[in-house]
């Protein structure tokens, strides 16, 4: 004759999730199963300085819509076996990947900003050199134009003087005749 005791319990809570549990005892074997669904769980890790992993795990749990925990204890009383499983490993893995992607993006943005700053600094130096070269050429051109203008003025003055002398000779020759 087999004496078995089996008891099941199911409770579902709409806001906070719910749990299922099952207990069975048959002769010396025990089988306890539990599944809990935690909807929008929140944890507050304590401690002045959390490790990065603790912070990431807390963010993963706090950002999850649902955490599913399953546990089973079974076997003879002297040799009970325990199995635990949850979706926490996936949640934490997803959060770590998000943190890594964000860190990579920040590092990429910093490298890009540093490169842009270096390029802009070199461009500014180059433009400074170009502008200094332009000024040098412009100053040399201005100096040459001023020198040419002085020479032109001197030439005009000599032409005017020669014309004046030539007209004076023409008048003196006309008066002699």
Protein backbone atom coordinates (compact mmCIF):
# COMPACT_ATOMS: atom_id res chain seq x y z
CA UNK A 1 0.00 0.00 0.00
CA UNK A 2 1.38 3.38 -1.03
CA UNK A 3 1.02 6.35 1.21
CA UNK A 4 1.53 9.53 -0.72
CA UNK A 5 0.86 13.06 0.32
CA UNK A 6 0.66 15.64 -2.41
CA UNK A 7 -0.20 19.27 -1.98
CA UNK A 8 -0.14 22.03 -4.59
CA UNK A 9 -0.57 25.69 -4.13
CA UNK A 10 -0.94 28.37 -6.78
CA UNK A 11 -1.19 32.04 -6.11
CA UNK A 12 -1.14 34.76 -8.73
CA UNK A 13 -0.87 38.39 -7.85
CA UNK A 14 -1.56 40.76 -10.71
CA UNK A 15 0.67 43.65 -9.62
CA UNK A 16 3.50 41.90 -7.87
CA UNK A 17 3.68 38.73 -9.92
CA UNK A 18 2.91 35.42 -8.33
CA UNK A 19 4.21 32.04 -7.40
CA UNK A 20 3.45 28.38 -7.85
CA UNK A 21 4.54 25.73 -5.41
CA UNK A 22 4.18 21.99 -5.25
CA UNK A 23 4.99 19.63 -2.41
CA UNK A 24 4.86 15.87 -2.62
CA UNK A 25 6.08 13.26 -0.18
CA UNK A 26 6.06 9.64 -1.15
CA UNK A 27 7.58 7.21 1.32
CA UNK A 28 11.00 8.71 2.04
CA UNK A 29 11.19 10.87 -1.09
CA UNK A 30 10.47 14.55 -0.93
CA UNK A 31 9.79 16.72 -3.97
CA UNK A 32 9.30 20.45 -3.47
CA UNK A 33 9.01 22.77 -6.46
CA UNK A 34 8.55 26.50 -6.47
CA UNK A 35 8.34 29.08 -9.23
CA UNK A 36 8.10 32.78 -8.51
CA UNK A 37 7.48 35.56 -10.99
CA UNK A 38 8.51 38.97 -9.72
CA UNK A 39 7.04 41.78 -11.80
CA UNK A 40 8.94 45.10 -11.89
CA UNK A 41 11.27 44.06 -9.07
CA UNK A 42 13.30 46.69 -7.21
CA UNK A 43 16.39 46.16 -5.13
CA UNK A 44 18.52 48.68 -3.27
CA UNK A 45 22.07 47.41 -2.85
CA UNK A 46 23.68 48.74 0.28
CA UNK A 47 27.21 49.83 0.86
CA UNK A 48 29.19 52.98 0.43
CA UNK A 49 31.09 51.68 -2.55
CA UNK A 50 29.51 49.05 -4.77
CA UNK A 51 31.53 46.98 -7.17
CA UNK A 52 30.77 47.50 -10.85
CA UNK A 53 29.23 44.04 -11.03
CA UNK A 54 26.94 44.76 -8.04
CA UNK A 55 25.85 48.03 -9.63
CA UNK A 56 25.23 46.33 -13.01
CA UNK A 57 23.29 43.49 -11.34
CA UNK A 58 21.12 45.97 -9.43
CA UNK A 59 20.47 47.96 -12.63
CA UNK A 60 19.60 44.71 -14.45
CA UNK A 61 17.07 43.66 -11.81
CA UNK A 62 15.63 47.15 -11.42
CA UNK A 63 15.27 47.48 -15.19
CA UNK A 64 13.59 44.10 -15.66
CA UNK A 65 9.90 43.77 -16.29
CA UNK A 66 9.92 40.33 -14.70
CA UNK A 67 12.34 38.09 -12.82
CA UNK A 68 11.54 34.39 -12.86
CA UNK A 69 12.96 32.19 -10.10
CA UNK A 70 12.57 28.42 -10.04
CA UNK A 71 13.69 26.08 -7.27
CA UNK A 72 13.41 22.37 -6.68
CA UNK A 73 14.47 20.29 -3.69
CA UNK A 74 14.04 16.56 -4.07
CA UNK A 75 15.26 13.16 -2.95
CA UNK A 76 15.61 11.34 0.31
CA UNK A 77 15.94 13.41 3.44
CA UNK A 78 19.53 12.28 3.93
CA UNK A 79 20.50 13.11 0.33
CA UNK A 80 18.45 16.12 -0.80
CA UNK A 81 19.36 17.69 -4.12
CA UNK A 82 18.70 21.34 -4.88
CA UNK A 83 18.24 22.93 -8.30
CA UNK A 84 17.93 26.67 -8.78
CA UNK A 85 17.38 28.59 -11.99
CA UNK A 86 16.34 32.07 -13.03
CA UNK A 87 16.46 34.52 -15.88
CA UNK A 88 18.86 36.73 -13.91
CA UNK A 89 21.86 35.54 -15.93
CA UNK A 90 20.20 36.75 -19.14
CA UNK A 91 19.15 40.02 -17.54
CA UNK A 92 22.65 40.68 -16.18
CA UNK A 93 24.25 39.65 -19.48
CA UNK A 94 22.00 42.06 -21.40
CA UNK A 95 22.82 44.85 -18.94
CA UNK A 96 26.57 44.16 -19.15
CA UNK A 97 26.33 44.27 -22.94
CA UNK A 98 24.48 47.59 -22.73
CA UNK A 99 27.12 48.99 -20.35
CA UNK A 100 29.91 47.80 -22.67
CA UNK A 101 28.18 49.31 -25.72
CA UNK A 102 27.74 52.60 -23.86
CA UNK A 103 31.38 52.59 -22.72
CA UNK A 104 32.54 51.82 -26.25
CA UNK A 105 30.39 54.64 -27.63
CA UNK A 106 31.76 57.06 -25.00
CA UNK A 107 35.33 55.97 -25.78
CA UNK A 108 34.68 56.32 -29.51
CA UNK A 109 33.17 59.78 -28.98
CA UNK A 110 36.17 60.81 -26.85
CA UNK A 111 38.66 59.55 -29.46
CA UNK A 112 36.69 61.33 -32.19
CA UNK A 113 36.60 64.55 -30.13
CA UNK A 114 40.35 64.28 -29.41
CA UNK A 115 41.06 63.68 -33.10
CA UNK A 116 38.85 66.61 -34.10
CA UNK A 117 40.63 68.83 -31.57
CA UNK A 118 44.05 67.74 -32.88
CA UNK A 119 42.98 68.26 -36.50
CA UNK A 120 41.49 71.66 -35.67
CA UNK A 121 44.66 72.70 -33.83
CA UNK A 122 46.81 71.67 -36.80
CA UNK A 123 44.39 73.39 -39.17
CA UNK A 124 44.60 76.56 -37.07
CA UNK A 125 48.43 76.42 -37.19
CA UNK A 126 48.30 75.87 -40.94
CA UNK A 127 45.86 78.76 -41.43
CA UNK A 128 48.05 80.92 -39.21
CA UNK A 129 51.01 80.09 -41.48
CA UNK A 130 48.95 80.73 -44.60
CA UNK A 131 47.74 84.06 -43.22
CA UNK A 132 51.28 85.04 -42.21
CA UNK A 133 52.43 84.12 -45.74
CA UNK A 134 49.60 86.17 -47.24
CA UNK A 135 50.53 89.14 -45.08
CA UNK A 136 54.18 88.80 -46.04
CA UNK A 137 53.30 88.65 -49.76
CA UNK A 138 50.80 91.50 -49.35
CA UNK A 139 53.37 93.65 -47.51
CA UNK A 140 56.01 92.89 -50.17
CA UNK A 141 53.53 93.72 -52.93
CA UNK A 142 52.53 96.97 -51.19
CA UNK A 143 56.20 97.91 -50.75
CA UNK A 144 56.92 97.14 -54.41
CA UNK A 145 53.86 99.15 -55.52
CA UNK A 146 55.03 102.10 -53.42
CA UNK A 147 58.53 101.84 -54.92
CA UNK A 148 57.09 101.67 -58.45
CA UNK A 149 54.87 104.67 -57.72
CA UNK A 150 57.91 106.64 -56.48
CA UNK A 151 59.84 105.68 -59.64
CA UNK A 152 56.84 106.62 -61.78
CA UNK A 153 56.57 109.99 -60.01
CA UNK A 154 60.31 110.59 -60.55
CA UNK A 155 59.97 109.62 -64.23
CA UNK A 156 56.96 111.92 -64.66
CA UNK A 157 58.87 114.76 -63.00
CA UNK A 158 61.85 114.20 -65.34
CA UNK A 159 59.55 114.09 -68.38
CA UNK A 160 57.91 117.33 -67.26
CA UNK A 161 61.32 118.93 -66.73
CA UNK A 162 62.55 117.76 -70.13
CA UNK A 163 59.40 119.06 -71.80
CA UNK A 164 59.84 122.39 -70.02
CA UNK A 165 63.46 122.61 -71.16
CA UNK A 166 62.54 121.63 -74.66
CA UNK A 167 59.81 124.31 -74.80
CA UNK A 168 62.26 126.83 -73.39
CA UNK A 169 64.77 126.01 -76.17
CA UNK A 170 62.04 126.28 -78.77
CA UNK A 171 61.14 129.77 -77.54
CA UNK A 172 64.75 130.88 -77.39
CA UNK A 173 65.31 129.64 -80.95
CA UNK A 174 62.18 131.40 -82.17
CA UNK A 175 63.29 134.67 -80.57
CA UNK A 176 66.68 134.48 -82.25
CA UNK A 177 65.29 134.13 -85.66
